[in-house]
Amino acid sequence: MGDEGKRKKDKKSSKDDRVALKKEIGLWSACAIIIGNIIGSGIFVSPKGVLEHAGSVGLSLIVWVCGGGICVLGSMCYAELGVTIPKSGGDYSYVTEIFGGLVGFLLLWSAVLIMYPTTLAVIALTFANYVLHPAFQNCLPPYAATRLLATICVLFLTWVNCSSVRWATRIQDVFTVGKLLALGLIIVVGLVQIGRGYYDALVPSAAFEFHQDPSVGQIALAFLQASFAYSGWNFLNYVTEEIVNPRTNLPRAIYISIPLVTLVYTMTNIAYFSAMTPEELLASNAVAVTFGEKLLGVFSWMMPISVALSTFGGINGYLFTSSRLCFSGAREGHLPYLLAMIHLKNCTPIPALLVCCFATILILCIGETHNLINYVSFINYLSYGVTIAALLYLRKKRPSLARPIKVNLLIPISYMVFWAVLLCFSLYSEPVVCGLGMVIVLTGVPVYFVGVWWKNKPKWIFRLTEKITYLGQKACYVMFPQEDPAEAQPLTSSKATD
């Protein structure tokens, strides 16, 4: 009896000492990750672009509501994929599992090369601009000052994420509440304005007065602008292995967060139009600041501070999730194996976090970040469509696969129809932007064949990579995580019986 008790204790001790990603993301933190990643700089940047392309206040509000509805459809599909293939890495992991290495690598390549570093850089610059705004009210902040502050912010949050998963999620929780309070302030002030009769731009006769002839192509571009504000709705799927009870909490967090963000975004835009005419909104380079200056008087300083807090949380969320994408790619052999290692004590993917940090700083140094937003939106939508297509293909190829959540087939089909129409008309309206987006993705093809597919490389290359990996391990104090067989059981068992 004593020996049996000792064996049980040793078994429990070995499980507790296992070096692996920690499951510290509960339902609230999961909701905070989704909301925190969606609400970054987009709601303070995109309203101008959506209104410009939509052509009227009424149609721009419809775009915001429909954009949220499309995210709901997509997130329901991602919930099915997330519990069917319970691996961190989101789109990349699902597409690699279903379509194979090349397609998965192209998604990974475009995300690591351009999507996430650019988005992080844009959010960091927005943070720096709004923090410095009170000191430079009558002019733009100095170029060097904004880049320096943005870099310091990224470096600080990288250190936090390297130090502790719990610290990172607590920051996300706190700043998500701050974001909702900031937008709540805008909404409440806007509703007060409407109650006082300031809603001329929202009257149907004025709301649908177009300043340009509407076209399907322009509406598609309006949706692309809105998609930048909604981007991040799929990010919880990147950290599936760190969620407590993911089969329950993953779908719950999605179903709570996306409708809430859609409601907040729509009400925020309504509030903007209670204080500004369409012409004033189009002329503003900082919509929230203009709103605060018109309605908050001596308290107008609250708006740049609120936006800065919002973007600070957005940077933290993007660092947390995008580093897990690098981690997943390295684990599959599509990136250097050093990026698949985690710290021995903190259990955080330090090498992957450092790569995301330095890639973001490099984009900050280039300086043309805002010109890359359209490329990012196009590549984002491209990856969403490929992932939903993977779900449909998996349904046909492996109908007997265990699926704890199984959405109605009309949901992914409806999403794919919208996706195809949007991308076709976007390509028609902006062939250069969309074409360059495709070129960015396809540059990964030769990289895949040289770096991944080509196995018989010269021995000196293997020796060099081993040496770099060894030095990286010593510098970062990292090792490969030990997988929990219980976590892989549902997928492997379903494969065996398929």
Protein backbone atom coordinates (compact mmCIF):
# COMPACT_ATOMS: atom_id res chain seq x y z
CA MET A 1 0.00 0.00 0.00
CA GLY A 2 2.84 2.35 0.86
CA ASP A 3 4.67 1.57 -2.39
CA GLU A 4 1.51 2.20 -4.38
CA GLY A 5 1.00 5.55 -2.67
CA LYS A 6 4.62 6.47 -3.37
CA ARG A 7 4.23 5.57 -7.06
CA LYS A 8 1.10 7.73 -7.32
CA LYS A 9 2.92 10.60 -5.64
CA ASP A 10 5.93 10.25 -7.98
CA LYS A 11 3.60 10.13 -10.98
CA LYS A 12 1.79 13.28 -9.83
CA SER A 13 5.12 15.01 -9.14
CA SER A 14 6.47 14.18 -12.60
CA LYS A 15 3.30 15.54 -14.19
CA ASP A 16 3.54 18.76 -12.20
CA ASP A 17 7.22 19.16 -13.12
CA ARG A 18 6.54 18.63 -16.81
CA VAL A 19 7.94 21.50 -18.92
CA ALA A 20 4.95 22.48 -21.05
CA LEU A 21 2.73 25.42 -21.92
CA LYS A 22 0.66 26.23 -18.84
CA LYS A 23 -3.14 26.14 -18.91
CA GLU A 24 -3.86 29.48 -17.25
CA ILE A 25 -6.48 30.95 -19.61
CA GLY A 26 -9.98 30.65 -18.14
CA LEU A 27 -13.25 31.82 -19.70
CA TRP A 28 -12.84 35.47 -18.66
CA SER A 29 -9.24 35.63 -19.87
CA ALA A 30 -10.28 33.93 -23.11
CA CYS A 31 -12.94 36.62 -23.67
CA ALA A 32 -10.35 39.26 -22.79
CA ILE A 33 -7.94 37.87 -25.41
CA ILE A 34 -10.59 38.05 -28.16
CA ILE A 35 -11.93 41.47 -27.17
CA GLY A 36 -8.45 42.80 -26.41
CA ASN A 37 -7.10 41.69 -29.79
CA ILE A 38 -10.05 43.02 -31.77
CA ILE A 39 -10.27 46.37 -30.01
CA GLY A 40 -6.90 47.93 -30.72
CA SER A 41 -6.37 50.91 -32.98
CA GLY A 42 -8.93 49.86 -35.60
CA ILE A 43 -12.06 51.47 -34.15
CA PHE A 44 -10.13 54.76 -33.88
CA VAL A 45 -8.62 54.52 -37.41
CA SER A 46 -11.09 52.64 -39.64
CA PRO A 47 -14.32 54.74 -39.32
CA LYS A 48 -12.87 57.28 -41.72
CA GLY A 49 -11.98 54.64 -44.33
CA VAL A 50 -15.33 52.84 -44.01
CA LEU A 51 -17.30 56.09 -44.46
CA GLU A 52 -15.09 57.18 -47.36
CA HIS A 53 -15.69 53.98 -49.33
CA ALA A 54 -19.31 53.40 -48.25
CA GLY A 55 -20.29 56.89 -49.37
CA SER A 56 -22.96 57.54 -46.71
CA VAL A 57 -23.50 57.36 -42.96
CA GLY A 58 -26.29 54.80 -43.21
CA LEU A 59 -24.37 52.41 -45.45
CA SER A 60 -21.24 52.72 -43.29
CA LEU A 61 -23.26 51.65 -40.22
CA ILE A 62 -24.65 48.70 -42.20
CA VAL A 63 -21.07 47.74 -43.10
CA TRP A 64 -20.09 47.79 -39.41
CA VAL A 65 -23.04 45.58 -38.40
CA CYS A 66 -22.59 43.16 -41.31
CA GLY A 67 -18.84 43.05 -40.69
CA GLY A 68 -19.54 41.85 -37.16
CA GLY A 69 -22.09 39.34 -38.47
CA ILE A 70 -19.52 37.90 -40.88
CA CYS A 71 -17.06 37.59 -37.98
CA VAL A 72 -19.71 35.67 -36.03
CA LEU A 73 -20.11 33.21 -38.93
CA GLY A 74 -16.35 32.81 -39.24
CA SER A 75 -15.85 32.42 -35.49
CA MET A 76 -18.46 29.65 -35.33
CA CYS A 77 -16.48 27.75 -37.99
CA TYR A 78 -13.26 28.37 -36.06
CA ALA A 79 -14.93 27.06 -32.89
CA GLU A 80 -15.59 23.75 -34.68
CA LEU A 81 -12.01 23.58 -35.96
CA GLY A 82 -10.59 24.58 -32.57
CA VAL A 83 -12.22 21.70 -30.68
CA THR A 84 -11.77 19.18 -33.54
CA ILE A 85 -8.05 19.93 -33.95
CA PRO A 86 -7.07 21.08 -30.42
CA LYS A 87 -3.67 22.54 -31.34
CA SER A 88 -2.33 26.06 -30.86
CA GLY A 89 -1.55 27.97 -34.05
CA GLY A 90 -5.04 28.80 -35.33
CA ASP A 91 -5.41 29.02 -39.12
CA TYR A 92 -1.91 27.71 -39.72
CA SER A 93 -2.36 24.53 -37.66
CA TYR A 94 -5.74 23.72 -39.20
CA VAL A 95 -4.66 24.31 -42.80
CA THR A 96 -1.42 22.35 -42.29
CA GLU A 97 -3.37 19.45 -40.76
CA ILE A 98 -5.93 19.40 -43.60
CA PHE A 99 -4.24 20.69 -46.77
CA GLY A 100 -0.63 19.82 -46.01
CA GLY A 101 2.65 21.63 -45.46
CA LEU A 102 2.89 23.98 -48.45
CA VAL A 103 -0.47 25.72 -47.97
CA GLY A 104 0.08 25.94 -44.22
CA PHE A 105 3.58 27.34 -44.72
CA LEU A 106 2.28 30.06 -47.08
CA LEU A 107 -0.15 31.22 -44.37
CA LEU A 108 2.63 31.10 -41.80
CA TRP A 109 5.05 32.93 -44.12
CA SER A 110 2.68 35.82 -44.86
CA ALA A 111 1.69 36.12 -41.20
CA VAL A 112 5.24 36.14 -39.81
CA LEU A 113 6.68 38.24 -42.65
CA ILE A 114 4.06 40.97 -42.97
CA MET A 115 0.69 40.53 -41.23
CA TYR A 116 1.46 40.49 -37.53
CA PRO A 117 4.63 42.64 -37.45
CA THR A 118 2.84 45.31 -39.51
CA THR A 119 -0.30 45.21 -37.36
CA LEU A 120 1.81 45.38 -34.20
CA ALA A 121 3.78 48.30 -35.63
CA VAL A 122 0.60 50.20 -36.57
CA ILE A 123 -0.90 49.69 -33.10
CA ALA A 124 2.38 50.67 -31.40
CA LEU A 125 2.61 53.86 -33.49
CA THR A 126 -1.01 54.68 -32.68
CA PHE A 127 -0.16 54.22 -28.98
CA ALA A 128 2.87 56.52 -29.28
CA ASN A 129 0.98 59.20 -31.22
CA TYR A 130 -1.86 59.37 -28.71
CA VAL A 131 0.48 59.38 -25.69
CA LEU A 132 2.45 62.26 -27.20
CA HIS A 133 -0.63 64.16 -28.42
CA PRO A 134 -1.09 66.28 -25.23
CA ALA A 135 2.50 67.53 -25.60
CA PHE A 136 2.14 68.32 -29.33
CA GLN A 137 -1.47 69.50 -29.65
CA ASN A 138 -0.86 71.91 -32.53
CA CYS A 139 1.46 69.73 -34.59
CA LEU A 140 2.41 66.14 -35.28
CA PRO A 141 4.75 64.49 -32.74
CA PRO A 142 8.37 64.16 -33.94
CA TYR A 143 9.06 61.11 -36.11
CA ALA A 144 11.93 59.88 -33.92
CA ALA A 145 9.94 60.35 -30.69
CA THR A 146 6.98 58.24 -31.89
CA ARG A 147 9.27 55.45 -33.14
CA LEU A 148 11.28 55.46 -29.92
CA LEU A 149 8.20 55.33 -27.67
CA ALA A 150 6.59 52.62 -29.83
CA THR A 151 9.79 50.56 -29.62
CA ILE A 152 10.03 50.96 -25.83
CA CYS A 153 6.41 49.83 -25.49
CA VAL A 154 6.99 46.71 -27.64
CA LEU A 155 10.19 45.85 -25.74
CA PHE A 156 8.50 46.25 -22.35
CA LEU A 157 5.53 44.04 -23.25
CA THR A 158 7.86 41.45 -24.79
CA TRP A 159 9.68 41.30 -21.44
CA VAL A 160 6.36 40.86 -19.62
CA ASN A 161 5.29 38.04 -21.95
CA CYS A 162 8.69 36.36 -21.58
CA SER A 163 8.48 36.54 -17.80
CA SER A 164 5.04 35.10 -17.11
CA VAL A 165 1.92 33.92 -18.90
CA ARG A 166 -0.07 35.00 -15.85
CA TRP A 167 1.29 38.56 -15.98
CA ALA A 168 0.48 38.79 -19.69
CA THR A 169 -3.09 37.57 -19.24
CA ARG A 170 -3.63 39.86 -16.23
CA ILE A 171 -2.50 42.86 -18.30
CA GLN A 172 -4.88 41.72 -21.02
CA ASP A 173 -7.76 41.43 -18.52
CA VAL A 174 -7.17 44.89 -17.03
CA PHE A 175 -6.67 46.73 -20.30
CA THR A 176 -9.65 45.01 -21.91
CA VAL A 177 -11.81 46.51 -19.17
CA GLY A 178 -10.10 49.86 -19.84
CA LYS A 179 -10.88 49.62 -23.57
CA LEU A 180 -14.53 48.88 -22.96
CA LEU A 181 -14.74 51.76 -20.47
CA ALA A 182 -13.14 54.14 -23.01
CA LEU A 183 -15.59 53.12 -25.72
CA GLY A 184 -18.38 53.13 -23.14
CA LEU A 185 -17.57 56.79 -22.42
CA ILE A 186 -17.85 57.62 -26.13
CA ILE A 187 -21.15 55.71 -26.40
CA VAL A 188 -22.70 57.32 -23.29
CA VAL A 189 -21.70 60.84 -24.35
CA GLY A 190 -23.03 60.11 -27.84
CA LEU A 191 -26.36 58.85 -26.48
CA VAL A 192 -26.64 62.00 -24.34
CA GLN A 193 -26.09 64.05 -27.51
CA ILE A 194 -28.79 62.08 -29.33
CA GLY A 195 -31.13 62.58 -26.35
CA ARG A 196 -30.55 66.34 -26.68
CA GLY A 197 -31.58 66.19 -30.33
CA TYR A 198 -28.17 66.15 -32.05
CA TYR A 199 -28.79 63.36 -34.53
CA ASP A 200 -29.15 65.15 -37.86
CA ALA A 201 -26.65 62.86 -39.61
CA LEU A 202 -28.55 59.78 -38.38
CA VAL A 203 -31.97 60.70 -39.77
CA PRO A 204 -32.67 58.20 -42.62
CA SER A 205 -33.07 60.93 -45.26
CA ALA A 206 -29.63 62.36 -44.39
CA ALA A 207 -27.96 59.07 -43.43
CA PHE A 208 -28.42 57.65 -46.94
CA GLU A 209 -27.41 60.82 -48.75
CA PHE A 210 -24.38 59.64 -50.74
CA HIS A 211 -21.38 61.90 -51.30
CA GLN A 212 -20.32 59.57 -54.13
CA ASP A 213 -22.11 57.04 -56.33
CA PRO A 214 -22.07 53.68 -54.50
CA SER A 215 -20.52 50.70 -56.27
CA VAL A 216 -19.99 47.08 -55.28
CA GLY A 217 -16.23 47.57 -55.52
CA GLN A 218 -16.27 50.55 -53.13
CA ILE A 219 -18.53 48.65 -50.68
CA ALA A 220 -16.07 45.75 -50.80
CA LEU A 221 -13.25 48.15 -49.90
CA ALA A 222 -15.39 49.50 -47.05
CA PHE A 223 -15.68 45.94 -45.73
CA LEU A 224 -11.89 45.54 -46.00
CA GLN A 225 -11.43 48.72 -43.93
CA ALA A 226 -13.88 47.40 -41.32
CA SER A 227 -12.10 44.04 -41.34
CA PHE A 228 -8.95 45.77 -40.06
CA ALA A 229 -10.92 46.94 -37.01
CA TYR A 230 -12.39 43.44 -36.51
CA SER A 231 -9.12 41.57 -37.11
CA GLY A 232 -8.14 39.42 -34.15
CA TRP A 233 -11.48 37.61 -33.74
CA ASN A 234 -9.72 34.29 -34.47
CA PHE A 235 -6.74 34.80 -32.16
CA LEU A 236 -7.99 32.67 -29.28
CA ASN A 237 -7.46 29.65 -31.54
CA TYR A 238 -3.72 30.41 -31.48
CA VAL A 239 -3.51 29.56 -27.77
CA THR A 240 -5.87 26.56 -27.61
CA GLU A 241 -3.33 24.47 -25.66
CA GLU A 242 -3.19 27.10 -22.89
CA ILE A 243 -6.98 27.31 -22.36
CA VAL A 244 -8.54 25.61 -19.36
CA ASN A 245 -11.11 23.11 -20.68
CA PRO A 246 -10.87 24.36 -24.31
CA ARG A 247 -13.78 22.26 -25.60
CA THR A 248 -16.12 24.30 -23.39
CA ASN A 249 -14.40 27.66 -22.92
CA LEU A 250 -13.24 28.22 -26.53
CA PRO A 251 -16.73 28.31 -28.10
CA ARG A 252 -18.24 30.11 -25.09
CA ALA A 253 -15.64 32.88 -25.28
CA ILE A 254 -16.24 33.29 -29.02
CA TYR A 255 -20.03 33.44 -28.68
CA ILE A 256 -19.77 36.03 -25.87
CA SER A 257 -17.05 38.26 -27.31
CA ILE A 258 -17.86 38.74 -31.01
CA PRO A 259 -21.48 39.95 -30.58
CA LEU A 260 -20.34 42.24 -27.75
CA VAL A 261 -17.64 43.83 -29.93
CA THR A 262 -20.09 44.23 -32.84
CA LEU A 263 -22.55 46.05 -30.57
CA VAL A 264 -19.81 48.28 -29.12
CA TYR A 265 -18.40 49.15 -32.57
CA THR A 266 -21.81 50.01 -34.02
CA MET A 267 -22.79 52.16 -31.03
CA THR A 268 -19.38 53.89 -31.10
CA ASN A 269 -19.88 54.89 -34.74
CA ILE A 270 -23.38 56.14 -33.98
CA ALA A 271 -21.85 58.22 -31.17
CA TYR A 272 -19.25 59.66 -33.56
CA PHE A 273 -22.01 60.85 -35.91
CA SER A 274 -23.87 62.52 -33.04
CA ALA A 275 -20.93 64.88 -32.60
CA MET A 276 -19.47 65.19 -36.11
CA THR A 277 -20.83 65.66 -39.57
CA PRO A 278 -19.62 63.17 -42.21
CA GLU A 279 -17.38 65.90 -43.63
CA GLU A 280 -15.77 66.53 -40.21
CA LEU A 281 -15.18 62.82 -39.66
CA LEU A 282 -13.55 62.45 -43.09
CA ALA A 283 -11.32 65.46 -42.38
CA SER A 284 -10.18 64.13 -38.99
CA ASN A 285 -6.97 62.15 -38.61
CA ALA A 286 -7.83 61.19 -35.02
CA VAL A 287 -11.57 60.57 -34.80
CA ALA A 288 -11.70 59.91 -31.05
CA VAL A 289 -9.65 63.05 -30.26
CA THR A 290 -11.89 65.20 -32.47
CA PHE A 291 -14.92 63.69 -30.70
CA GLY A 292 -13.42 64.52 -27.29
CA GLU A 293 -12.51 68.07 -28.28
CA LYS A 294 -16.06 68.76 -29.47
CA LEU A 295 -17.94 67.25 -26.52
CA LEU A 296 -15.71 66.79 -23.46
CA GLY A 297 -14.34 70.32 -23.13
CA VAL A 298 -11.69 70.52 -20.40
CA PHE A 299 -11.82 66.72 -20.08
CA SER A 300 -10.88 66.20 -23.73
CA TRP A 301 -7.46 64.96 -22.55
CA MET A 302 -9.21 61.75 -21.47
CA MET A 303 -9.66 60.58 -25.06
CA PRO A 304 -6.00 60.33 -26.14
CA ILE A 305 -5.18 58.64 -22.83
CA SER A 306 -8.06 56.18 -23.28
CA VAL A 307 -6.97 55.36 -26.83
CA ALA A 308 -3.38 54.89 -25.62
CA LEU A 309 -4.56 52.41 -22.97
CA SER A 310 -6.63 50.59 -25.57
CA THR A 311 -3.71 50.24 -27.97
CA PHE A 312 -1.34 49.21 -25.14
CA GLY A 313 -3.59 46.23 -24.42
CA GLY A 314 -3.81 45.52 -28.16
CA ILE A 315 -0.02 45.29 -28.45
CA ASN A 316 0.09 42.88 -25.51
CA GLY A 317 -2.60 40.67 -27.05
CA TYR A 318 -0.97 40.55 -30.47
CA LEU A 319 2.43 39.70 -28.97
CA PHE A 320 0.91 36.95 -26.85
CA THR A 321 -0.93 35.26 -29.72
CA SER A 322 1.43 35.87 -32.67
CA SER A 323 4.35 34.37 -30.73
CA ARG A 324 2.30 31.17 -30.37
CA LEU A 325 1.98 31.09 -34.15
CA CYS A 326 5.79 31.11 -34.50
CA PHE A 327 5.93 28.45 -31.78
CA SER A 328 3.45 26.22 -33.66
CA GLY A 329 5.25 26.73 -36.99
CA ALA A 330 8.58 25.72 -35.49
CA ARG A 331 7.01 22.66 -33.86
CA GLU A 332 5.82 21.51 -37.30
CA GLY A 333 9.33 22.01 -38.74
CA HIS A 334 8.39 25.05 -40.85
CA LEU A 335 10.52 27.44 -38.80
CA PRO A 336 13.81 26.94 -36.89
CA TYR A 337 13.32 24.49 -34.02
CA LEU A 338 14.64 27.01 -31.52
CA LEU A 339 11.31 28.88 -31.86
CA ALA A 340 9.46 25.78 -30.60
CA MET A 341 11.24 25.86 -27.25
CA ILE A 342 9.98 27.31 -23.97
CA HIS A 343 11.67 28.61 -20.83
CA LEU A 344 12.49 25.93 -18.26
CA LYS A 345 10.90 27.81 -15.34
CA ASN A 346 8.48 30.34 -16.82
CA CYS A 347 7.18 27.98 -19.55
CA THR A 348 6.97 30.89 -22.03
CA PRO A 349 8.10 30.70 -25.71
CA ILE A 350 10.90 33.26 -25.32
CA PRO A 351 12.61 32.73 -28.74
CA ALA A 352 9.28 33.09 -30.58
CA LEU A 353 8.45 36.24 -28.60
CA LEU A 354 11.84 37.75 -29.42
CA VAL A 355 11.37 37.08 -33.15
CA CYS A 356 7.96 38.82 -33.08
CA CYS A 357 9.48 41.73 -31.16
CA PHE A 358 12.43 42.26 -33.50
CA ALA A 359 10.28 41.84 -36.64
CA THR A 360 7.96 44.57 -35.32
CA ILE A 361 10.86 46.90 -34.54
CA LEU A 362 12.22 46.33 -38.07
CA ILE A 363 8.86 47.33 -39.58
CA LEU A 364 8.85 50.41 -37.30
CA CYS A 365 12.24 51.42 -38.68
CA ILE A 366 11.02 51.11 -42.27
CA GLY A 367 8.42 53.78 -41.58
CA GLU A 368 5.83 53.00 -44.28
CA THR A 369 3.56 51.00 -41.99
CA HIS A 370 0.25 52.69 -42.82
CA ASN A 371 0.70 51.94 -46.53
CA LEU A 372 0.77 48.24 -45.61
CA ILE A 373 -2.66 48.17 -43.90
CA ASN A 374 -4.51 47.35 -47.14
CA TYR A 375 -2.09 44.48 -47.85
CA VAL A 376 -2.64 43.18 -44.32
CA SER A 377 -6.45 43.32 -44.67
CA PHE A 378 -6.34 41.47 -48.00
CA ILE A 379 -3.99 38.74 -46.71
CA ASN A 380 -6.11 38.42 -43.56
CA TYR A 381 -9.26 37.77 -45.54
CA LEU A 382 -7.38 35.40 -47.83
CA SER A 383 -6.25 33.30 -44.86
CA TYR A 384 -9.76 33.27 -43.35
CA GLY A 385 -11.24 31.95 -46.59
CA VAL A 386 -8.60 29.22 -46.97
CA THR A 387 -9.25 28.10 -43.38
CA ILE A 388 -13.03 27.90 -43.83
CA ALA A 389 -12.46 26.02 -47.11
CA ALA A 390 -10.33 23.58 -45.08
CA LEU A 391 -13.30 22.98 -42.77
CA LEU A 392 -15.53 22.13 -45.75
CA TYR A 393 -12.84 19.85 -47.20
CA LEU A 394 -12.43 18.07 -43.85
CA ARG A 395 -16.19 17.52 -43.64
CA LYS A 396 -16.09 15.75 -47.01
CA LYS A 397 -12.80 13.88 -46.56
CA ARG A 398 -13.34 12.68 -42.99
CA PRO A 399 -17.07 12.72 -42.17
CA SER A 400 -16.64 10.32 -39.22
CA LEU A 401 -14.10 12.50 -37.41
CA ALA A 402 -15.17 13.29 -33.84
CA ARG A 403 -16.48 16.87 -33.71
CA PRO A 404 -17.59 18.14 -30.27
CA ILE A 405 -19.04 21.16 -32.09
CA LYS A 406 -20.53 20.79 -35.58
CA VAL A 407 -21.98 23.93 -37.16
CA ASN A 408 -24.69 23.89 -39.82
CA LEU A 409 -23.17 23.50 -43.27
CA LEU A 410 -24.89 26.70 -44.43
CA ILE A 411 -22.67 28.75 -42.10
CA PRO A 412 -19.28 27.99 -43.76
CA ILE A 413 -20.90 28.06 -47.21
CA SER A 414 -22.42 31.51 -46.54
CA TYR A 415 -19.05 32.74 -45.30
CA MET A 416 -17.28 31.41 -48.40
CA VAL A 417 -19.79 33.09 -50.75
CA PHE A 418 -19.29 36.44 -49.01
CA TRP A 419 -15.51 35.90 -48.97
CA ALA A 420 -15.36 35.16 -52.71
CA VAL A 421 -17.51 38.19 -53.63
CA LEU A 422 -15.51 40.51 -51.37
CA LEU A 423 -12.11 39.41 -52.67
CA CYS A 424 -13.19 39.46 -56.34
CA PHE A 425 -14.52 43.01 -56.16
CA SER A 426 -11.57 44.15 -54.04
CA LEU A 427 -9.24 42.76 -56.69
CA TYR A 428 -11.25 44.59 -59.36
CA SER A 429 -11.21 47.91 -57.45
CA GLU A 430 -7.61 47.76 -56.16
CA PRO A 431 -5.70 45.37 -58.46
CA VAL A 432 -2.27 46.69 -57.44
CA VAL A 433 -2.84 46.38 -53.69
CA CYS A 434 -4.46 42.93 -53.92
CA GLY A 435 -1.93 41.77 -56.51
CA LEU A 436 0.99 42.74 -54.29
CA GLY A 437 -0.73 40.96 -51.41
CA MET A 438 -0.77 37.77 -53.51
CA VAL A 439 2.88 38.28 -54.44
CA ILE A 440 3.80 38.55 -50.74
CA VAL A 441 2.08 35.22 -50.09
CA LEU A 442 3.60 33.44 -53.11
CA THR A 443 7.17 34.50 -52.27
CA GLY A 444 6.95 31.78 -49.64
CA VAL A 445 6.84 29.00 -52.28
CA PRO A 446 10.60 28.94 -53.07
CA VAL A 447 11.38 29.42 -49.37
CA TYR A 448 9.28 26.34 -48.55
CA PHE A 449 11.00 24.12 -51.11
CA VAL A 450 14.50 25.25 -50.10
CA GLY A 451 13.98 25.44 -46.34
CA VAL A 452 11.44 22.66 -45.63
CA TRP A 453 11.00 20.29 -48.57
CA TRP A 454 14.72 19.93 -49.40
CA LYS A 455 15.89 17.36 -46.85
CA ASN A 456 19.36 16.44 -48.20
CA LYS A 457 21.04 19.74 -47.48
CA PRO A 458 24.85 19.94 -47.16
CA LYS A 459 26.09 18.81 -43.75
CA TRP A 460 27.62 22.19 -42.96
CA ILE A 461 24.12 23.73 -43.00
CA PHE A 462 22.91 21.21 -40.40
CA ARG A 463 25.99 21.81 -38.27
CA LEU A 464 25.45 25.58 -38.45
CA THR A 465 21.77 25.36 -37.47
CA GLU A 466 22.61 22.99 -34.61
CA LYS A 467 25.23 25.41 -33.33
CA ILE A 468 22.83 28.38 -33.51
CA THR A 469 20.10 26.33 -31.80
CA TYR A 470 22.51 25.30 -29.02
CA LEU A 471 23.64 28.90 -28.44
CA GLY A 472 20.01 30.09 -28.47
CA GLN A 473 19.06 27.45 -25.91
CA LYS A 474 21.84 28.55 -23.57
CA ALA A 475 21.06 32.25 -24.03
CA CYS A 476 17.30 31.89 -23.48
CA TYR A 477 17.41 28.92 -21.06
CA VAL A 478 14.84 27.00 -23.10
CA MET A 479 14.04 23.42 -24.13
CA PHE A 480 11.42 21.53 -26.10
CA PRO A 481 8.10 21.28 -24.20
CA GLN A 482 6.84 17.86 -23.17
CA GLU A 483 3.44 17.11 -24.67
CA ASP A 484 0.61 15.81 -22.53
CA PRO A 485 -0.68 12.61 -24.20
CA ALA A 486 -4.14 13.24 -22.76
CA GLU A 487 -4.42 16.47 -24.74
CA ALA A 488 -3.63 14.76 -28.04
CA GLN A 489 -5.90 11.78 -27.34
CA PRO A 490 -9.13 13.05 -29.01
CA LEU A 491 -7.44 13.86 -32.33
CA THR A 492 -5.23 10.78 -32.54
CA SER A 493 -8.03 8.43 -31.60
CA SER A 494 -10.28 9.89 -34.23
CA LYS A 495 -7.53 9.46 -36.79
CA ALA A 496 -7.09 5.85 -35.85
CA THR A 497 -10.75 5.05 -36.32
CA ASP A 498 -11.17 7.11 -39.45
